[in-house]
Amino acid sequence: VHALSLPGKTAPKTSGEIIKETIFNILEEEKF
């Protein structure tokens, strides 16, 4: 089984929240 993009398939809610948190971290660090 070539299991690609598992977070998007099995846990999209958690994965989306991780994306959001990561982007917000960058925005805060860059002081936007």
ModelCIF file with pLDDT and N, C-alpha, C, O atoms, coordinates in Angstrom:
data_MODEL
#
_entry.id   MODEL 
#
_entity.id                         1 
_entity.type                       polymer 
_entity.pdbx_number_of_molecules   1 
#
_entity_poly.entity_id                      1 
_entity_poly.type                           'polypeptide(L)' 
_entity_poly.nstd_linkage                   no 
_entity_poly.nstd_monomer                   no 
_entity_poly.pdbx_seq_one_letter_code       VHALSLPGKTAPKTSGEIIKETIFNILEEEKF 
_entity_poly.pdbx_seq_one_letter_code_can   VHALSLPGKTAPKTSGEIIKETIFNILEEEKF 
_entity_poly.pdbx_strand_id                 A 
#
loop_
_entity_poly_seq.entity_id 
_entity_poly_seq.num 
_entity_poly_seq.mon_id 
_entity_poly_seq.hetero 
1 1  VAL n 
1 2  HIS n 
1 3  ALA n 
1 4  LEU n 
1 5  SER n 
1 6  LEU n 
1 7  PRO n 
1 8  GLY n 
1 9  LYS n 
1 10 THR n 
1 11 ALA n 
1 12 PRO n 
1 13 LYS n 
1 14 THR n 
1 15 SER n 
1 16 GLY n 
1 17 GLU n 
1 18 ILE n 
1 19 ILE n 
1 20 LYS n 
1 21 GLU n 
1 22 THR n 
1 23 ILE n 
1 24 PHE n 
1 25 ASN n 
1 26 ILE n 
1 27 LEU n 
1 28 GLU n 
1 29 GLU n 
1 30 GLU n 
1 31 LYS n 
1 32 PHE n 
#
_struct_asym.id          A 
_struct_asym.entity_id   1 
#
loop_
_ma_qa_metric.id 
_ma_qa_metric.mode 
_ma_qa_metric.name 
_ma_qa_metric.software_group_id 
_ma_qa_metric.type 
1 global pLDDT . pLDDT 
2 local  pLDDT . pLDDT 
#
_ma_qa_metric_global.metric_id      1 
_ma_qa_metric_global.metric_value   93.19 
_ma_qa_metric_global.model_id       1 
_ma_qa_metric_global.ordinal_id     1 
#
loop_
_ma_qa_metric_local.label_asym_id 
_ma_qa_metric_local.label_comp_id 
_ma_qa_metric_local.label_seq_id 
_ma_qa_metric_local.metric_id 
_ma_qa_metric_local.metric_value 
_ma_qa_metric_local.model_id 
_ma_qa_metric_local.ordinal_id 
A VAL 1  2 97.00 1 1  
A HIS 2  2 95.00 1 2  
A ALA 3  2 94.00 1 3  
A LEU 4  2 86.00 1 4  
A SER 5  2 84.00 1 5  
A LEU 6  2 88.00 1 6  
A PRO 7  2 86.00 1 7  
A GLY 8  2 85.00 1 8  
A LYS 9  2 86.00 1 9  
A THR 10 2 87.00 1 10 
A ALA 11 2 91.00 1 11 
A PRO 12 2 93.00 1 12 
A LYS 13 2 95.00 1 13 
A THR 14 2 95.00 1 14 
A SER 15 2 95.00 1 15 
A GLY 16 2 96.00 1 16 
A GLU 17 2 96.00 1 17 
A ILE 18 2 96.00 1 18 
A ILE 19 2 97.00 1 19 
A LYS 20 2 98.00 1 20 
A GLU 21 2 97.00 1 21 
A THR 22 2 98.00 1 22 
A ILE 23 2 98.00 1 23 
A PHE 24 2 97.00 1 24 
A ASN 25 2 97.00 1 25 
A ILE 26 2 97.00 1 26 
A LEU 27 2 96.00 1 27 
A GLU 28 2 95.00 1 28 
A GLU 29 2 95.00 1 29 
A GLU 30 2 93.00 1 30 
A LYS 31 2 90.00 1 31 
A PHE 32 2 89.00 1 32 
#
loop_
_atom_site.group_PDB 
_atom_site.id 
_atom_site.type_symbol 
_atom_site.label_atom_id 
_atom_site.label_alt_id 
_atom_site.label_comp_id 
_atom_site.label_asym_id 
_atom_site.label_entity_id 
_atom_site.label_seq_id 
_atom_site.pdbx_PDB_ins_code 
_atom_site.Cartn_x 
_atom_site.Cartn_y 
_atom_site.Cartn_z 
_atom_site.occupancy 
_atom_site.B_iso_or_equiv 
_atom_site.pdbx_formal_charge 
_atom_site.auth_seq_id 
_atom_site.auth_comp_id 
_atom_site.auth_asym_id 
_atom_site.auth_atom_id 
_atom_site.pdbx_PDB_model_num 
ATOM 1   N N  . VAL A 1 1  ? 0.865  -1.173 0.000  1.00 97.00 ? 1  VAL A N  1 
ATOM 2   C CA . VAL A 1 1  ? 0.000  0.000  0.000  1.00 97.00 ? 1  VAL A CA 1 
ATOM 3   C C  . VAL A 1 1  ? 0.903  1.225  0.000  1.00 97.00 ? 1  VAL A C  1 
ATOM 4   O O  . VAL A 1 1  ? 1.689  1.416  0.928  1.00 97.00 ? 1  VAL A O  1 
ATOM 5   N N  . HIS A 1 2  ? 0.797  2.059  -1.037 1.00 95.00 ? 2  HIS A N  1 
ATOM 6   C CA . HIS A 1 2  ? 1.549  3.311  -1.046 1.00 95.00 ? 2  HIS A CA 1 
ATOM 7   C C  . HIS A 1 2  ? 0.630  4.371  -0.464 1.00 95.00 ? 2  HIS A C  1 
ATOM 8   O O  . HIS A 1 2  ? -0.231 4.913  -1.157 1.00 95.00 ? 2  HIS A O  1 
ATOM 9   N N  . ALA A 1 3  ? 0.821  4.659  0.806  1.00 94.00 ? 3  ALA A N  1 
ATOM 10  C CA . ALA A 1 3  ? -0.103 5.501  1.568  1.00 94.00 ? 3  ALA A CA 1 
ATOM 11  C C  . ALA A 1 3  ? 0.353  6.953  1.541  1.00 94.00 ? 3  ALA A C  1 
ATOM 12  O O  . ALA A 1 3  ? 1.037  7.411  2.457  1.00 94.00 ? 3  ALA A O  1 
ATOM 13  N N  . LEU A 1 4  ? -0.024 7.673  0.496  1.00 86.00 ? 4  LEU A N  1 
ATOM 14  C CA . LEU A 1 4  ? 0.359  9.077  0.337  1.00 86.00 ? 4  LEU A CA 1 
ATOM 15  C C  . LEU A 1 4  ? -0.670 9.999  0.992  1.00 86.00 ? 4  LEU A C  1 
ATOM 16  O O  . LEU A 1 4  ? -1.857 9.678  1.041  1.00 86.00 ? 4  LEU A O  1 
ATOM 17  N N  . SER A 1 5  ? -0.211 11.138 1.491  1.00 84.00 ? 5  SER A N  1 
ATOM 18  C CA . SER A 1 5  ? -1.087 12.187 2.038  1.00 84.00 ? 5  SER A CA 1 
ATOM 19  C C  . SER A 1 5  ? -2.042 11.655 3.102  1.00 84.00 ? 5  SER A C  1 
ATOM 20  O O  . SER A 1 5  ? -3.217 12.021 3.121  1.00 84.00 ? 5  SER A O  1 
ATOM 21  N N  . LEU A 1 6  ? -1.549 10.805 3.975  1.00 88.00 ? 6  LEU A N  1 
ATOM 22  C CA . LEU A 1 6  ? -2.415 10.214 4.990  1.00 88.00 ? 6  LEU A CA 1 
ATOM 23  C C  . LEU A 1 6  ? -3.110 11.235 5.888  1.00 88.00 ? 6  LEU A C  1 
ATOM 24  O O  . LEU A 1 6  ? -4.295 11.066 6.175  1.00 88.00 ? 6  LEU A O  1 
ATOM 25  N N  . PRO A 1 7  ? -2.429 12.285 6.345  1.00 86.00 ? 7  PRO A N  1 
ATOM 26  C CA . PRO A 1 7  ? -3.134 13.232 7.225  1.00 86.00 ? 7  PRO A CA 1 
ATOM 27  C C  . PRO A 1 7  ? -4.395 13.804 6.584  1.00 86.00 ? 7  PRO A C  1 
ATOM 28  O O  . PRO A 1 7  ? -5.409 13.985 7.259  1.00 86.00 ? 7  PRO A O  1 
ATOM 29  N N  . GLY A 1 8  ? -4.336 14.087 5.291  1.00 85.00 ? 8  GLY A N  1 
ATOM 30  C CA . GLY A 1 8  ? -5.495 14.638 4.600  1.00 85.00 ? 8  GLY A CA 1 
ATOM 31  C C  . GLY A 1 8  ? -6.611 13.634 4.431  1.00 85.00 ? 8  GLY A C  1 
ATOM 32  O O  . GLY A 1 8  ? -7.773 14.019 4.297  1.00 85.00 ? 8  GLY A O  1 
ATOM 33  N N  . LYS A 1 9  ? -6.284 12.356 4.435  1.00 86.00 ? 9  LYS A N  1 
ATOM 34  C CA . LYS A 1 9  ? -7.293 11.314 4.237  1.00 86.00 ? 9  LYS A CA 1 
ATOM 35  C C  . LYS A 1 9  ? -7.901 10.831 5.547  1.00 86.00 ? 9  LYS A C  1 
ATOM 36  O O  . LYS A 1 9  ? -9.106 10.597 5.627  1.00 86.00 ? 9  LYS A O  1 
ATOM 37  N N  . THR A 1 10 ? -7.075 10.684 6.564  1.00 87.00 ? 10 THR A N  1 
ATOM 38  C CA . THR A 1 10 ? -7.544 10.073 7.805  1.00 87.00 ? 10 THR A CA 1 
ATOM 39  C C  . THR A 1 10 ? -7.842 11.068 8.917  1.00 87.00 ? 10 THR A C  1 
ATOM 40  O O  . THR A 1 10 ? -8.614 10.757 9.825  1.00 87.00 ? 10 THR A O  1 
ATOM 41  N N  . ALA A 1 11 ? -7.251 12.251 8.869  1.00 91.00 ? 11 ALA A N  1 
ATOM 42  C CA . ALA A 1 11 ? -7.470 13.234 9.933  1.00 91.00 ? 11 ALA A CA 1 
ATOM 43  C C  . ALA A 1 11 ? -7.456 14.643 9.379  1.00 91.00 ? 11 ALA A C  1 
ATOM 44  O O  . ALA A 1 11 ? -6.614 15.448 9.776  1.00 91.00 ? 11 ALA A O  1 
ATOM 45  N N  . PRO A 1 12 ? -8.382 14.967 8.457  1.00 93.00 ? 12 PRO A N  1 
ATOM 46  C CA . PRO A 1 12 ? -8.340 16.297 7.841  1.00 93.00 ? 12 PRO A CA 1 
ATOM 47  C C  . PRO A 1 12 ? -8.558 17.431 8.829  1.00 93.00 ? 12 PRO A C  1 
ATOM 48  O O  . PRO A 1 12 ? -7.976 18.503 8.666  1.00 93.00 ? 12 PRO A O  1 
ATOM 49  N N  . LYS A 1 13 ? -9.381 17.221 9.849  1.00 95.00 ? 13 LYS A N  1 
ATOM 50  C CA . LYS A 1 13 ? -9.633 18.281 10.830 1.00 95.00 ? 13 LYS A CA 1 
ATOM 51  C C  . LYS A 1 13 ? -8.345 18.650 11.573 1.00 95.00 ? 13 LYS A C  1 
ATOM 52  O O  . LYS A 1 13 ? -7.969 19.820 11.642 1.00 95.00 ? 13 LYS A O  1 
ATOM 53  N N  . THR A 1 14 ? -7.683 17.641 12.123 1.00 95.00 ? 14 THR A N  1 
ATOM 54  C CA . THR A 1 14 ? -6.436 17.894 12.846 1.00 95.00 ? 14 THR A CA 1 
ATOM 55  C C  . THR A 1 14 ? -5.377 18.478 11.924 1.00 95.00 ? 14 THR A C  1 
ATOM 56  O O  . THR A 1 14 ? -4.662 19.408 12.297 1.00 95.00 ? 14 THR A O  1 
ATOM 57  N N  . SER A 1 15 ? -5.281 17.927 10.715 1.00 95.00 ? 15 SER A N  1 
ATOM 58  C CA . SER A 1 15 ? -4.271 18.401 9.768  1.00 95.00 ? 15 SER A CA 1 
ATOM 59  C C  . SER A 1 15 ? -4.509 19.853 9.375  1.00 95.00 ? 15 SER A C  1 
ATOM 60  O O  . SER A 1 15 ? -3.563 20.632 9.250  1.00 95.00 ? 15 SER A O  1 
ATOM 61  N N  . GLY A 1 16 ? -5.775 20.216 9.179  1.00 96.00 ? 16 GLY A N  1 
ATOM 62  C CA . GLY A 1 16 ? -6.095 21.604 8.848  1.00 96.00 ? 16 GLY A CA 1 
ATOM 63  C C  . GLY A 1 16 ? -5.756 22.550 9.985  1.00 96.00 ? 16 GLY A C  1 
ATOM 64  O O  . GLY A 1 16 ? -5.270 23.659 9.760  1.00 96.00 ? 16 GLY A O  1 
ATOM 65  N N  . GLU A 1 17 ? -6.017 22.106 11.210 1.00 96.00 ? 17 GLU A N  1 
ATOM 66  C CA . GLU A 1 17 ? -5.693 22.940 12.372 1.00 96.00 ? 17 GLU A CA 1 
ATOM 67  C C  . GLU A 1 17 ? -4.184 23.119 12.518 1.00 96.00 ? 17 GLU A C  1 
ATOM 68  O O  . GLU A 1 17 ? -3.721 24.175 12.949 1.00 96.00 ? 17 GLU A O  1 
ATOM 69  N N  . ILE A 1 18 ? -3.414 22.085 12.159 1.00 96.00 ? 18 ILE A N  1 
ATOM 70  C CA . ILE A 1 18 ? -1.948 22.187 12.203 1.00 96.00 ? 18 ILE A CA 1 
ATOM 71  C C  . ILE A 1 18 ? -1.465 23.208 11.177 1.00 96.00 ? 18 ILE A C  1 
ATOM 72  O O  . ILE A 1 18 ? -0.578 24.010 11.467 1.00 96.00 ? 18 ILE A O  1 
ATOM 73  N N  . ILE A 1 19 ? -2.046 23.178 9.981  1.00 97.00 ? 19 ILE A N  1 
ATOM 74  C CA . ILE A 1 19 ? -1.693 24.145 8.936  1.00 97.00 ? 19 ILE A CA 1 
ATOM 75  C C  . ILE A 1 19 ? -1.981 25.566 9.425  1.00 97.00 ? 19 ILE A C  1 
ATOM 76  O O  . ILE A 1 19 ? -1.149 26.462 9.283  1.00 97.00 ? 19 ILE A O  1 
ATOM 77  N N  . LYS A 1 20 ? -3.162 25.757 9.998  1.00 98.00 ? 20 LYS A N  1 
ATOM 78  C CA . LYS A 1 20 ? -3.544 27.081 10.515 1.00 98.00 ? 20 LYS A CA 1 
ATOM 79  C C  . LYS A 1 20 ? -2.571 27.559 11.577 1.00 98.00 ? 20 LYS A C  1 
ATOM 80  O O  . LYS A 1 20 ? -2.105 28.696 11.522 1.00 98.00 ? 20 LYS A O  1 
ATOM 81  N N  . GLU A 1 21 ? -2.261 26.709 12.541 1.00 97.00 ? 21 GLU A N  1 
ATOM 82  C CA . GLU A 1 21 ? -1.369 27.099 13.629 1.00 97.00 ? 21 GLU A CA 1 
ATOM 83  C C  . GLU A 1 21 ? 0.020  27.444 13.107 1.00 97.00 ? 21 GLU A C  1 
ATOM 84  O O  . GLU A 1 21 ? 0.640  28.401 13.571 1.00 97.00 ? 21 GLU A O  1 
ATOM 85  N N  . THR A 1 22 ? 0.507  26.673 12.149 1.00 98.00 ? 22 THR A N  1 
ATOM 86  C CA . THR A 1 22 ? 1.833  26.922 11.584 1.00 98.00 ? 22 THR A CA 1 
ATOM 87  C C  . THR A 1 22 ? 1.875  28.273 10.874 1.00 98.00 ? 22 THR A C  1 
ATOM 88  O O  . THR A 1 22 ? 2.815  29.048 11.047 1.00 98.00 ? 22 THR A O  1 
ATOM 89  N N  . ILE A 1 23 ? 0.847  28.544 10.077 1.00 98.00 ? 23 ILE A N  1 
ATOM 90  C CA . ILE A 1 23 ? 0.792  29.821 9.357  1.00 98.00 ? 23 ILE A CA 1 
ATOM 91  C C  . ILE A 1 23 ? 0.680  30.993 10.326 1.00 98.00 ? 23 ILE A C  1 
ATOM 92  O O  . ILE A 1 23 ? 1.322  32.024 10.124 1.00 98.00 ? 23 ILE A O  1 
ATOM 93  N N  . PHE A 1 24 ? -0.118 30.850 11.362 1.00 97.00 ? 24 PHE A N  1 
ATOM 94  C CA . PHE A 1 24 ? -0.256 31.919 12.348 1.00 97.00 ? 24 PHE A CA 1 
ATOM 95  C C  . PHE A 1 24 ? 1.060  32.147 13.088 1.00 97.00 ? 24 PHE A C  1 
ATOM 96  O O  . PHE A 1 24 ? 1.396  33.282 13.424 1.00 97.00 ? 24 PHE A O  1 
ATOM 97  N N  . ASN A 1 25 ? 1.796  31.081 13.341 1.00 97.00 ? 25 ASN A N  1 
ATOM 98  C CA . ASN A 1 25 ? 3.111  31.229 13.980 1.00 97.00 ? 25 ASN A CA 1 
ATOM 99  C C  . ASN A 1 25 ? 4.045  32.079 13.120 1.00 97.00 ? 25 ASN A C  1 
ATOM 100 O O  . ASN A 1 25 ? 4.751  32.953 13.623 1.00 97.00 ? 25 ASN A O  1 
ATOM 101 N N  . ILE A 1 26 ? 4.034  31.807 11.815 1.00 97.00 ? 26 ILE A N  1 
ATOM 102 C CA . ILE A 1 26 ? 4.890  32.566 10.897 1.00 97.00 ? 26 ILE A CA 1 
ATOM 103 C C  . ILE A 1 26 ? 4.465  34.026 10.861 1.00 97.00 ? 26 ILE A C  1 
ATOM 104 O O  . ILE A 1 26 ? 5.309  34.921 10.906 1.00 97.00 ? 26 ILE A O  1 
ATOM 105 N N  . LEU A 1 27 ? 3.171  34.270 10.782 1.00 96.00 ? 27 LEU A N  1 
ATOM 106 C CA . LEU A 1 27 ? 2.666  35.644 10.733 1.00 96.00 ? 27 LEU A CA 1 
ATOM 107 C C  . LEU A 1 27 ? 3.051  36.427 11.991 1.00 96.00 ? 27 LEU A C  1 
ATOM 108 O O  . LEU A 1 27 ? 3.406  37.604 11.914 1.00 96.00 ? 27 LEU A O  1 
ATOM 109 N N  . GLU A 1 28 ? 2.978  35.771 13.135 1.00 95.00 ? 28 GLU A N  1 
ATOM 110 C CA . GLU A 1 28 ? 3.352  36.443 14.378 1.00 95.00 ? 28 GLU A CA 1 
ATOM 111 C C  . GLU A 1 28 ? 4.854  36.714 14.444 1.00 95.00 ? 28 GLU A C  1 
ATOM 112 O O  . GLU A 1 28 ? 5.278  37.775 14.903 1.00 95.00 ? 28 GLU A O  1 
ATOM 113 N N  . GLU A 1 29 ? 5.656  35.752 13.984 1.00 95.00 ? 29 GLU A N  1 
ATOM 114 C CA . GLU A 1 29 ? 7.099  35.936 13.977 1.00 95.00 ? 29 GLU A CA 1 
ATOM 115 C C  . GLU A 1 29 ? 7.527  37.051 13.039 1.00 95.00 ? 29 GLU A C  1 
ATOM 116 O O  . GLU A 1 29 ? 8.458  37.803 13.324 1.00 95.00 ? 29 GLU A O  1 
ATOM 117 N N  . GLU A 1 30 ? 6.819  37.143 11.899 1.00 93.00 ? 30 GLU A N  1 
ATOM 118 C CA . GLU A 1 30 ? 7.146  38.194 10.931 1.00 93.00 ? 30 GLU A CA 1 
ATOM 119 C C  . GLU A 1 30 ? 6.482  39.533 11.256 1.00 93.00 ? 30 GLU A C  1 
ATOM 120 O O  . GLU A 1 30 ? 6.684  40.526 10.557 1.00 93.00 ? 30 GLU A O  1 
ATOM 121 N N  . LYS A 1 31 ? 5.670  39.543 12.349 1.00 90.00 ? 31 LYS A N  1 
ATOM 122 C CA . LYS A 1 31 ? 5.047  40.759 12.876 1.00 90.00 ? 31 LYS A CA 1 
ATOM 123 C C  . LYS A 1 31 ? 4.091  41.417 11.872 1.00 90.00 ? 31 LYS A C  1 
ATOM 124 O O  . LYS A 1 31 ? 4.110  42.635 11.695 1.00 90.00 ? 31 LYS A O  1 
ATOM 125 N N  . PHE A 1 32 ? 3.265  40.606 11.224 1.00 89.00 ? 32 PHE A N  1 
ATOM 126 C CA . PHE A 1 32 ? 2.253  41.163 10.316 1.00 89.00 ? 32 PHE A CA 1 
ATOM 127 C C  . PHE A 1 32 ? 1.022  41.571 11.130 1.00 89.00 ? 32 PHE A C  1 
ATOM 128 O O  . PHE A 1 32 ? 0.045  42.065 10.567 1.00 89.00 ? 32 PHE A O  1 
#
